[in-house]
Amino acid sequence: MVMAVWGARMPAVQQAAHLSTAHLALVLLAAALGMVAGLQIAGRLAGPARLPALLTLGASSLAGCLALLGQCDSLPSLLTAALAFGVAHGVLDVAANSAAVRCQNAAGRPIMSGLHAAYSLGALGGAALAAFTAHTAHSTLFLGVGLILMGATLAAVPATRSLSGTDHSSTPANRTHGEDRSALPAGKLWLLGALAAATLLGEGAAADWAAVHLHSLGASTAASAAAFALYSAAMATGRLTGDRLTAAFGAPTVVRAGAVAAAAGLLTGVASSSTPGALAGWAVFGLGLSLTVPCLITAAGVGGPRSVATVAVTGYLGLLAGPALIGALASVTTLSTALLLPALLAAAVAALSHRALEHPTP
């Protein structure tokens, strides 16, 4: 929800601080660099005993930084706040995924996809809230959302404390303090990271280029905006049903089938010259990719929080670099040709997923 509210009201932030496009890019870069740092820091600290504290610290800091960003009216203050915002986001990302792995191991059944669905639903809710409060000052919205979510985080402390009591024997996170070596072979760990990067490149492409693609086909503004909404709704739907599918067929089969569908859907959508065909293609792309990241995080969790952080960092490189790469390709070819890249990467995920997920956790 925090990330959706921040992204949706970005133009208001830019206007309030009188930022040029280049200055806004610097603010976003500061947040990205902070996130990479936060992922690395949390990967080193997220032992079983520290997970409750990291969850509370990460979530409350992220909410507090959102409130702080709303009060910034200059480039230096925004850069500082954005850097802290990114660090908090990275810490929360590793802590939440590591905690989710421990909870899934203790439950003895797949629950990761449903937990990731909460992210998609939160994003949809945050975007809707931002649209509903479009005439409210962004500083007021950021402060209100930040304070409410900070209060909710603190209220959840008794629940997060129970994480230190989950089954320690079912996860390598119970290793002795100071042990840094991953339980995963290096080759498999980097394969998981590469698949995460390929998948998140597709997610970044959908976020930044789906509407532009529809607009290039002559679609209306509303239809163009609907492309990412349909993609997000399809991804949330897939994640809400993903745990049952994973339990029934196994992670390798589910991820491979989904990636094949994603590649076919985007290829069909890009080849289509009609608005309905393109919209359907983006929706199938989102549905097909919906289970990949939860399954990759589950597999990385075998190696403990540092492995989760490694896969997350590698994956986010794809998310950050993907849209720019597609833009560069589109500038020398066409957007439709450039969008073949995420489709081809989805096909690569389908081809390599069995090798990466051949021994998934429950």
Protein backbone atom coordinates (compact mmCIF):
# COMPACT_ATOMS: atom_id res chain seq x y z
CA MET A 1 0.00 0.00 0.00
CA VAL A 2 2.83 2.39 0.88
CA MET A 3 4.57 1.80 -2.45
CA ALA A 4 1.35 2.28 -4.44
CA VAL A 5 0.47 5.54 -2.67
CA TRP A 6 4.02 6.83 -3.17
CA GLY A 7 4.06 5.94 -6.87
CA ALA A 8 0.56 7.22 -7.64
CA ARG A 9 1.22 10.66 -6.15
CA MET A 10 4.70 11.07 -7.65
CA PRO A 11 3.64 13.98 -9.90
CA ALA A 12 2.48 15.93 -6.82
CA VAL A 13 5.84 15.28 -5.11
CA GLN A 14 7.65 16.53 -8.20
CA GLN A 15 5.51 19.67 -8.40
CA ALA A 16 5.80 20.50 -4.69
CA ALA A 17 9.59 20.34 -4.77
CA HIS A 18 9.88 21.96 -8.22
CA LEU A 19 11.83 19.02 -9.57
CA SER A 20 12.85 18.51 -13.17
CA THR A 21 12.50 15.06 -14.70
CA ALA A 22 16.23 14.51 -14.16
CA HIS A 23 15.96 15.50 -10.49
CA LEU A 24 13.00 13.15 -10.00
CA ALA A 25 15.08 10.37 -11.54
CA LEU A 26 17.77 11.08 -8.94
CA VAL A 27 15.21 10.73 -6.15
CA LEU A 28 14.07 7.38 -7.55
CA LEU A 29 17.68 6.28 -7.93
CA ALA A 30 18.34 7.15 -4.27
CA ALA A 31 15.37 4.99 -3.25
CA ALA A 32 16.64 2.12 -5.42
CA LEU A 33 20.17 2.33 -4.00
CA GLY A 34 18.76 2.46 -0.48
CA MET A 35 16.69 -0.64 -1.18
CA VAL A 36 19.70 -2.60 -2.40
CA ALA A 37 21.56 -1.58 0.77
CA GLY A 38 18.58 -2.55 2.92
CA LEU A 39 18.34 -5.96 1.25
CA GLN A 40 22.01 -6.63 1.97
CA ILE A 41 21.84 -5.38 5.56
CA ALA A 42 18.77 -7.46 6.36
CA GLY A 43 20.27 -10.51 4.69
CA ARG A 44 23.11 -10.37 7.21
CA LEU A 45 20.95 -9.66 10.25
CA ALA A 46 17.78 -11.69 9.65
CA GLY A 47 18.46 -14.61 11.98
CA PRO A 48 15.48 -16.32 13.66
CA ALA A 49 15.72 -14.30 16.87
CA ARG A 50 15.96 -10.99 15.00
CA LEU A 51 13.10 -11.48 12.51
CA PRO A 52 10.38 -9.99 14.75
CA ALA A 53 12.44 -6.86 15.40
CA LEU A 54 13.38 -6.48 11.72
CA LEU A 55 9.74 -6.84 10.63
CA THR A 56 8.59 -4.19 13.09
CA LEU A 57 11.53 -1.89 12.33
CA GLY A 58 11.21 -2.27 8.56
CA ALA A 59 7.45 -1.75 8.40
CA SER A 60 7.29 1.13 10.87
CA SER A 61 10.29 2.84 9.22
CA LEU A 62 8.75 2.47 5.76
CA ALA A 63 5.50 4.02 6.98
CA GLY A 64 7.37 6.79 8.80
CA CYS A 65 9.52 7.57 5.75
CA LEU A 66 6.36 7.90 3.63
CA ALA A 67 5.06 10.52 6.06
CA LEU A 68 8.47 12.24 5.95
CA LEU A 69 8.55 12.27 2.15
CA GLY A 70 5.28 14.16 2.14
CA GLN A 71 6.89 17.01 4.08
CA CYS A 72 9.96 17.37 1.82
CA ASP A 73 9.97 20.40 -0.48
CA SER A 74 13.53 20.41 -1.82
CA LEU A 75 15.82 18.06 -3.71
CA PRO A 76 18.33 17.50 -0.84
CA SER A 77 15.59 16.64 1.65
CA LEU A 78 13.88 14.31 -0.84
CA LEU A 79 17.14 12.54 -1.64
CA THR A 80 17.81 11.90 2.05
CA ALA A 81 14.28 10.73 2.78
CA ALA A 82 14.17 8.57 -0.37
CA LEU A 83 17.43 6.86 0.59
CA ALA A 84 16.02 6.02 4.05
CA PHE A 85 12.74 4.95 2.42
CA GLY A 86 14.63 2.51 0.19
CA VAL A 87 16.62 1.06 3.09
CA ALA A 88 13.42 0.46 5.06
CA HIS A 89 11.80 -1.18 2.03
CA GLY A 90 14.77 -3.53 1.57
CA VAL A 91 14.84 -4.51 5.26
CA LEU A 92 11.10 -5.22 5.26
CA ASP A 93 11.32 -7.21 2.01
CA VAL A 94 13.93 -9.65 3.34
CA ALA A 95 12.36 -9.87 6.80
CA ALA A 96 8.87 -10.55 5.44
CA ASN A 97 10.01 -13.17 2.94
CA SER A 98 12.29 -14.90 5.47
CA ALA A 99 9.47 -14.93 8.01
CA ALA A 100 7.12 -16.30 5.36
CA VAL A 101 9.51 -19.16 4.61
CA ARG A 102 9.67 -20.05 8.32
CA CYS A 103 5.89 -19.92 8.65
CA GLN A 104 5.48 -22.09 5.55
CA ASN A 105 7.97 -24.65 6.88
CA ALA A 106 6.15 -24.72 10.22
CA ALA A 107 2.78 -25.09 8.50
CA GLY A 108 4.07 -27.94 6.34
CA ARG A 109 2.08 -26.79 3.31
CA PRO A 110 2.38 -24.06 0.64
CA ILE A 111 1.24 -20.63 1.86
CA MET A 112 3.81 -18.37 0.14
CA SER A 113 1.65 -17.53 -2.87
CA GLY A 114 -1.19 -16.35 -0.65
CA LEU A 115 1.18 -14.13 1.31
CA HIS A 116 2.49 -12.59 -1.92
CA ALA A 117 -1.11 -12.05 -2.99
CA ALA A 118 -1.40 -9.65 -0.05
CA TYR A 119 1.25 -7.48 -1.72
CA SER A 120 -0.80 -7.36 -4.95
CA LEU A 121 -4.01 -6.61 -3.05
CA GLY A 122 -2.25 -3.92 -1.01
CA ALA A 123 -0.99 -2.31 -4.21
CA LEU A 124 -4.48 -2.31 -5.69
CA GLY A 125 -5.87 -0.85 -2.46
CA GLY A 126 -3.17 1.82 -2.31
CA ALA A 127 -3.77 2.83 -5.92
CA ALA A 128 -7.51 3.05 -5.29
CA LEU A 129 -6.94 5.14 -2.16
CA ALA A 130 -4.65 7.50 -4.07
CA ALA A 131 -7.26 7.91 -6.80
CA PHE A 132 -10.08 8.46 -4.28
CA THR A 133 -8.07 11.17 -2.51
CA ALA A 134 -6.79 12.79 -5.72
CA HIS A 135 -7.90 16.25 -4.53
CA THR A 136 -6.23 15.86 -1.11
CA ALA A 137 -2.75 17.28 -0.66
CA HIS A 138 -0.17 14.54 -1.04
CA SER A 139 1.50 15.61 2.22
CA THR A 140 -1.76 14.98 4.10
CA LEU A 141 -2.28 11.62 2.40
CA PHE A 142 1.30 10.48 3.06
CA LEU A 143 1.10 11.55 6.71
CA GLY A 144 -2.28 9.87 7.28
CA VAL A 145 -1.32 6.59 5.61
CA GLY A 146 2.07 6.56 7.33
CA LEU A 147 0.63 7.09 10.81
CA ILE A 148 -2.16 4.53 10.34
CA LEU A 149 0.20 1.85 9.04
CA MET A 150 2.78 2.61 11.72
CA GLY A 151 0.07 2.11 14.34
CA ALA A 152 -1.00 -1.15 12.68
CA THR A 153 2.61 -2.36 12.69
CA LEU A 154 3.02 -1.66 16.38
CA ALA A 155 -0.31 -3.35 17.13
CA ALA A 156 0.98 -6.45 15.35
CA VAL A 157 4.07 -6.76 17.58
CA PRO A 158 2.59 -9.60 19.70
CA ALA A 159 1.96 -11.59 16.53
CA THR A 160 5.40 -10.95 15.03
CA ARG A 161 7.06 -11.99 18.30
CA SER A 162 5.61 -15.48 17.84
CA LEU A 163 7.86 -15.94 14.79
CA SER A 164 10.80 -16.68 17.08
CA GLY A 165 8.90 -19.76 18.18
CA THR A 166 8.38 -21.30 14.74
CA ASP A 167 9.94 -24.66 13.97
CA HIS A 168 13.68 -23.98 13.94
CA SER A 169 14.60 -27.44 12.74
CA SER A 170 12.72 -27.07 9.47
CA THR A 171 14.82 -24.24 8.12
CA PRO A 172 18.54 -23.59 7.85
CA ALA A 173 17.95 -20.19 9.45
CA ASN A 174 18.76 -21.97 12.74
CA ARG A 175 22.46 -21.99 11.91
CA THR A 176 24.87 -20.65 14.49
CA HIS A 177 25.41 -16.92 14.74
CA GLY A 178 28.01 -15.66 12.30
CA GLU A 179 27.67 -18.58 9.87
CA ASP A 180 27.40 -16.96 6.45
CA ARG A 181 27.73 -19.89 4.10
CA SER A 182 24.49 -20.66 2.22
CA ALA A 183 23.03 -24.16 2.34
CA LEU A 184 22.30 -23.81 -1.39
CA PRO A 185 24.93 -24.55 -4.04
CA ALA A 186 26.19 -21.31 -5.55
CA GLY A 187 25.09 -22.33 -9.03
CA LYS A 188 21.52 -22.99 -7.95
CA LEU A 189 21.39 -19.79 -5.91
CA TRP A 190 22.43 -17.66 -8.88
CA LEU A 191 20.04 -19.54 -11.16
CA LEU A 192 17.21 -18.65 -8.79
CA GLY A 193 18.38 -15.02 -8.88
CA ALA A 194 18.56 -15.00 -12.67
CA LEU A 195 15.02 -16.40 -12.96
CA ALA A 196 13.81 -13.79 -10.46
CA ALA A 197 15.47 -11.04 -12.54
CA ALA A 198 13.85 -12.36 -15.72
CA THR A 199 10.44 -12.47 -14.04
CA LEU A 200 10.69 -9.06 -12.41
CA LEU A 201 11.88 -7.53 -15.68
CA GLY A 202 8.51 -8.64 -17.04
CA GLU A 203 6.73 -7.07 -14.06
CA GLY A 204 8.60 -3.81 -14.62
CA ALA A 205 7.71 -3.91 -18.31
CA ALA A 206 4.04 -4.27 -17.45
CA ALA A 207 4.15 -1.39 -14.96
CA ASP A 208 5.92 1.07 -17.26
CA TRP A 209 5.05 -0.01 -20.80
CA ALA A 210 1.63 -1.73 -20.82
CA ALA A 211 -0.30 1.54 -21.02
CA VAL A 212 2.14 2.95 -23.60
CA HIS A 213 1.70 -0.20 -25.70
CA LEU A 214 -2.08 0.16 -25.69
CA HIS A 215 -1.80 3.86 -26.50
CA SER A 216 0.41 3.04 -29.49
CA LEU A 217 -2.45 0.89 -30.83
CA GLY A 218 -4.79 3.86 -30.69
CA ALA A 219 -6.59 2.83 -27.50
CA SER A 220 -8.33 5.45 -25.38
CA THR A 221 -6.73 6.79 -22.23
CA ALA A 222 -9.07 4.68 -20.08
CA ALA A 223 -8.34 1.51 -22.07
CA SER A 224 -4.61 2.18 -21.91
CA ALA A 225 -4.74 2.58 -18.14
CA ALA A 226 -6.77 -0.63 -17.88
CA ALA A 227 -3.86 -2.68 -19.24
CA PHE A 228 -1.82 -2.59 -16.03
CA ALA A 229 -4.98 -2.85 -13.91
CA LEU A 230 -5.93 -6.09 -15.69
CA TYR A 231 -2.38 -7.36 -15.38
CA SER A 232 -2.38 -6.63 -11.61
CA ALA A 233 -5.80 -8.15 -11.06
CA ALA A 234 -4.78 -11.31 -12.94
CA MET A 235 -1.59 -11.58 -10.88
CA ALA A 236 -3.52 -11.20 -7.62
CA THR A 237 -6.02 -13.85 -8.74
CA GLY A 238 -3.25 -16.26 -9.65
CA ARG A 239 -1.54 -15.80 -6.28
CA LEU A 240 -4.77 -16.30 -4.35
CA THR A 241 -5.18 -19.72 -5.97
CA GLY A 242 -1.49 -20.56 -6.26
CA ASP A 243 -1.00 -22.40 -2.98
CA ARG A 244 -3.60 -25.02 -3.90
CA LEU A 245 -2.04 -25.48 -7.33
CA THR A 246 1.46 -25.78 -5.88
CA ALA A 247 0.28 -28.35 -3.33
CA ALA A 248 -1.46 -30.36 -6.04
CA PHE A 249 1.12 -30.28 -8.85
CA GLY A 250 4.41 -29.08 -7.32
CA ALA A 251 6.31 -25.84 -7.82
CA PRO A 252 8.31 -26.89 -10.93
CA THR A 253 5.20 -27.85 -12.87
CA VAL A 254 3.18 -24.81 -11.80
CA VAL A 255 5.95 -22.33 -12.58
CA ARG A 256 6.75 -23.94 -15.94
CA ALA A 257 3.11 -23.99 -17.05
CA GLY A 258 2.60 -20.40 -15.89
CA ALA A 259 5.72 -19.16 -17.67
CA VAL A 260 4.64 -20.85 -20.90
CA ALA A 261 1.24 -19.17 -20.60
CA ALA A 262 2.89 -15.81 -19.85
CA ALA A 263 5.15 -16.03 -22.89
CA ALA A 264 2.28 -17.09 -25.17
CA GLY A 265 -0.03 -14.42 -23.77
CA LEU A 266 2.40 -11.55 -24.25
CA LEU A 267 3.45 -12.74 -27.70
CA THR A 268 -0.20 -12.88 -28.72
CA GLY A 269 -0.92 -9.47 -27.20
CA VAL A 270 2.07 -7.85 -28.90
CA ALA A 271 1.16 -9.44 -32.24
CA SER A 272 -2.43 -8.25 -31.96
CA SER A 273 -3.38 -4.94 -33.50
CA SER A 274 -6.64 -4.73 -31.54
CA THR A 275 -7.21 -3.26 -28.09
CA PRO A 276 -9.10 -6.31 -26.73
CA GLY A 277 -6.36 -8.65 -27.93
CA ALA A 278 -3.61 -6.57 -26.33
CA LEU A 279 -5.54 -6.27 -23.05
CA ALA A 280 -6.08 -10.02 -22.96
CA GLY A 281 -2.38 -10.58 -23.65
CA TRP A 282 -1.29 -8.44 -20.66
CA ALA A 283 -3.84 -10.16 -18.41
CA VAL A 284 -2.58 -13.64 -19.36
CA PHE A 285 1.00 -12.43 -18.89
CA GLY A 286 0.20 -11.35 -15.32
CA LEU A 287 -1.64 -14.57 -14.54
CA GLY A 288 1.21 -16.68 -15.90
CA LEU A 289 3.92 -14.89 -13.92
CA SER A 290 1.95 -14.72 -10.68
CA LEU A 291 3.41 -17.81 -9.01
CA THR A 292 7.03 -17.57 -10.15
CA VAL A 293 8.44 -15.19 -7.53
CA PRO A 294 6.71 -16.88 -4.54
CA CYS A 295 8.11 -20.25 -5.63
CA LEU A 296 11.60 -18.83 -6.20
CA ILE A 297 11.60 -17.21 -2.75
CA THR A 298 10.47 -20.51 -1.21
CA ALA A 299 13.36 -22.33 -2.90
CA ALA A 300 15.84 -19.63 -1.80
CA GLY A 301 14.57 -19.89 1.77
CA VAL A 302 16.29 -23.27 2.10
CA GLY A 303 19.55 -21.32 2.31
CA GLY A 304 18.29 -18.89 4.96
CA PRO A 305 17.83 -15.10 4.94
CA ARG A 306 21.07 -14.36 3.10
CA SER A 307 19.98 -16.55 0.18
CA VAL A 308 16.59 -14.81 0.18
CA ALA A 309 18.41 -11.45 0.07
CA THR A 310 20.67 -12.58 -2.79
CA VAL A 311 17.72 -13.70 -4.91
CA ALA A 312 15.81 -10.52 -4.04
CA VAL A 313 18.71 -8.22 -4.94
CA THR A 314 19.30 -10.00 -8.25
CA GLY A 315 15.60 -9.97 -9.02
CA TYR A 316 15.22 -6.27 -8.30
CA LEU A 317 18.05 -5.52 -10.71
CA GLY A 318 15.78 -6.89 -13.42
CA LEU A 319 12.87 -4.83 -12.13
CA LEU A 320 14.94 -1.63 -12.12
CA ALA A 321 16.86 -2.15 -15.35
CA GLY A 322 14.12 -3.81 -17.41
CA PRO A 323 11.94 -0.80 -18.29
CA ALA A 324 14.99 1.26 -19.33
CA LEU A 325 16.31 -1.63 -21.44
CA ILE A 326 12.96 -2.00 -23.18
CA GLY A 327 12.90 1.74 -23.83
CA ALA A 328 16.37 1.58 -25.35
CA LEU A 329 15.37 -1.32 -27.60
CA ALA A 330 12.18 0.48 -28.62
CA SER A 331 14.19 3.55 -29.63
CA VAL A 332 16.16 1.55 -32.20
CA THR A 333 13.36 -0.83 -33.27
CA THR A 334 9.69 -0.56 -32.25
CA LEU A 335 7.93 -0.95 -28.92
CA SER A 336 6.23 -4.14 -30.10
CA THR A 337 9.62 -5.61 -30.99
CA ALA A 338 11.14 -4.53 -27.68
CA LEU A 339 8.29 -6.19 -25.76
CA LEU A 340 9.36 -9.51 -27.22
CA LEU A 341 12.18 -9.44 -24.62
CA PRO A 342 9.98 -10.16 -21.54
CA ALA A 343 8.12 -12.80 -23.55
CA LEU A 344 11.39 -14.53 -24.45
CA LEU A 345 12.58 -14.31 -20.85
CA ALA A 346 9.32 -15.92 -19.70
CA ALA A 347 10.04 -18.75 -22.12
CA ALA A 348 13.53 -19.05 -20.59
CA VAL A 349 11.97 -19.26 -17.12
CA ALA A 350 9.78 -22.10 -18.38
CA ALA A 351 12.83 -23.94 -19.73
CA LEU A 352 14.97 -23.55 -16.60
CA SER A 353 12.44 -23.56 -13.76
CA HIS A 354 12.49 -27.33 -13.21
CA ARG A 355 16.25 -27.26 -12.69
CA ALA A 356 15.97 -24.43 -10.16
CA LEU A 357 12.96 -25.83 -8.27
CA GLU A 358 13.60 -29.56 -8.45
CA HIS A 359 13.74 -29.84 -4.65
CA PRO A 360 11.22 -27.22 -3.45
CA THR A 361 10.36 -26.75 0.21
CA PRO A 362 6.78 -27.58 1.34
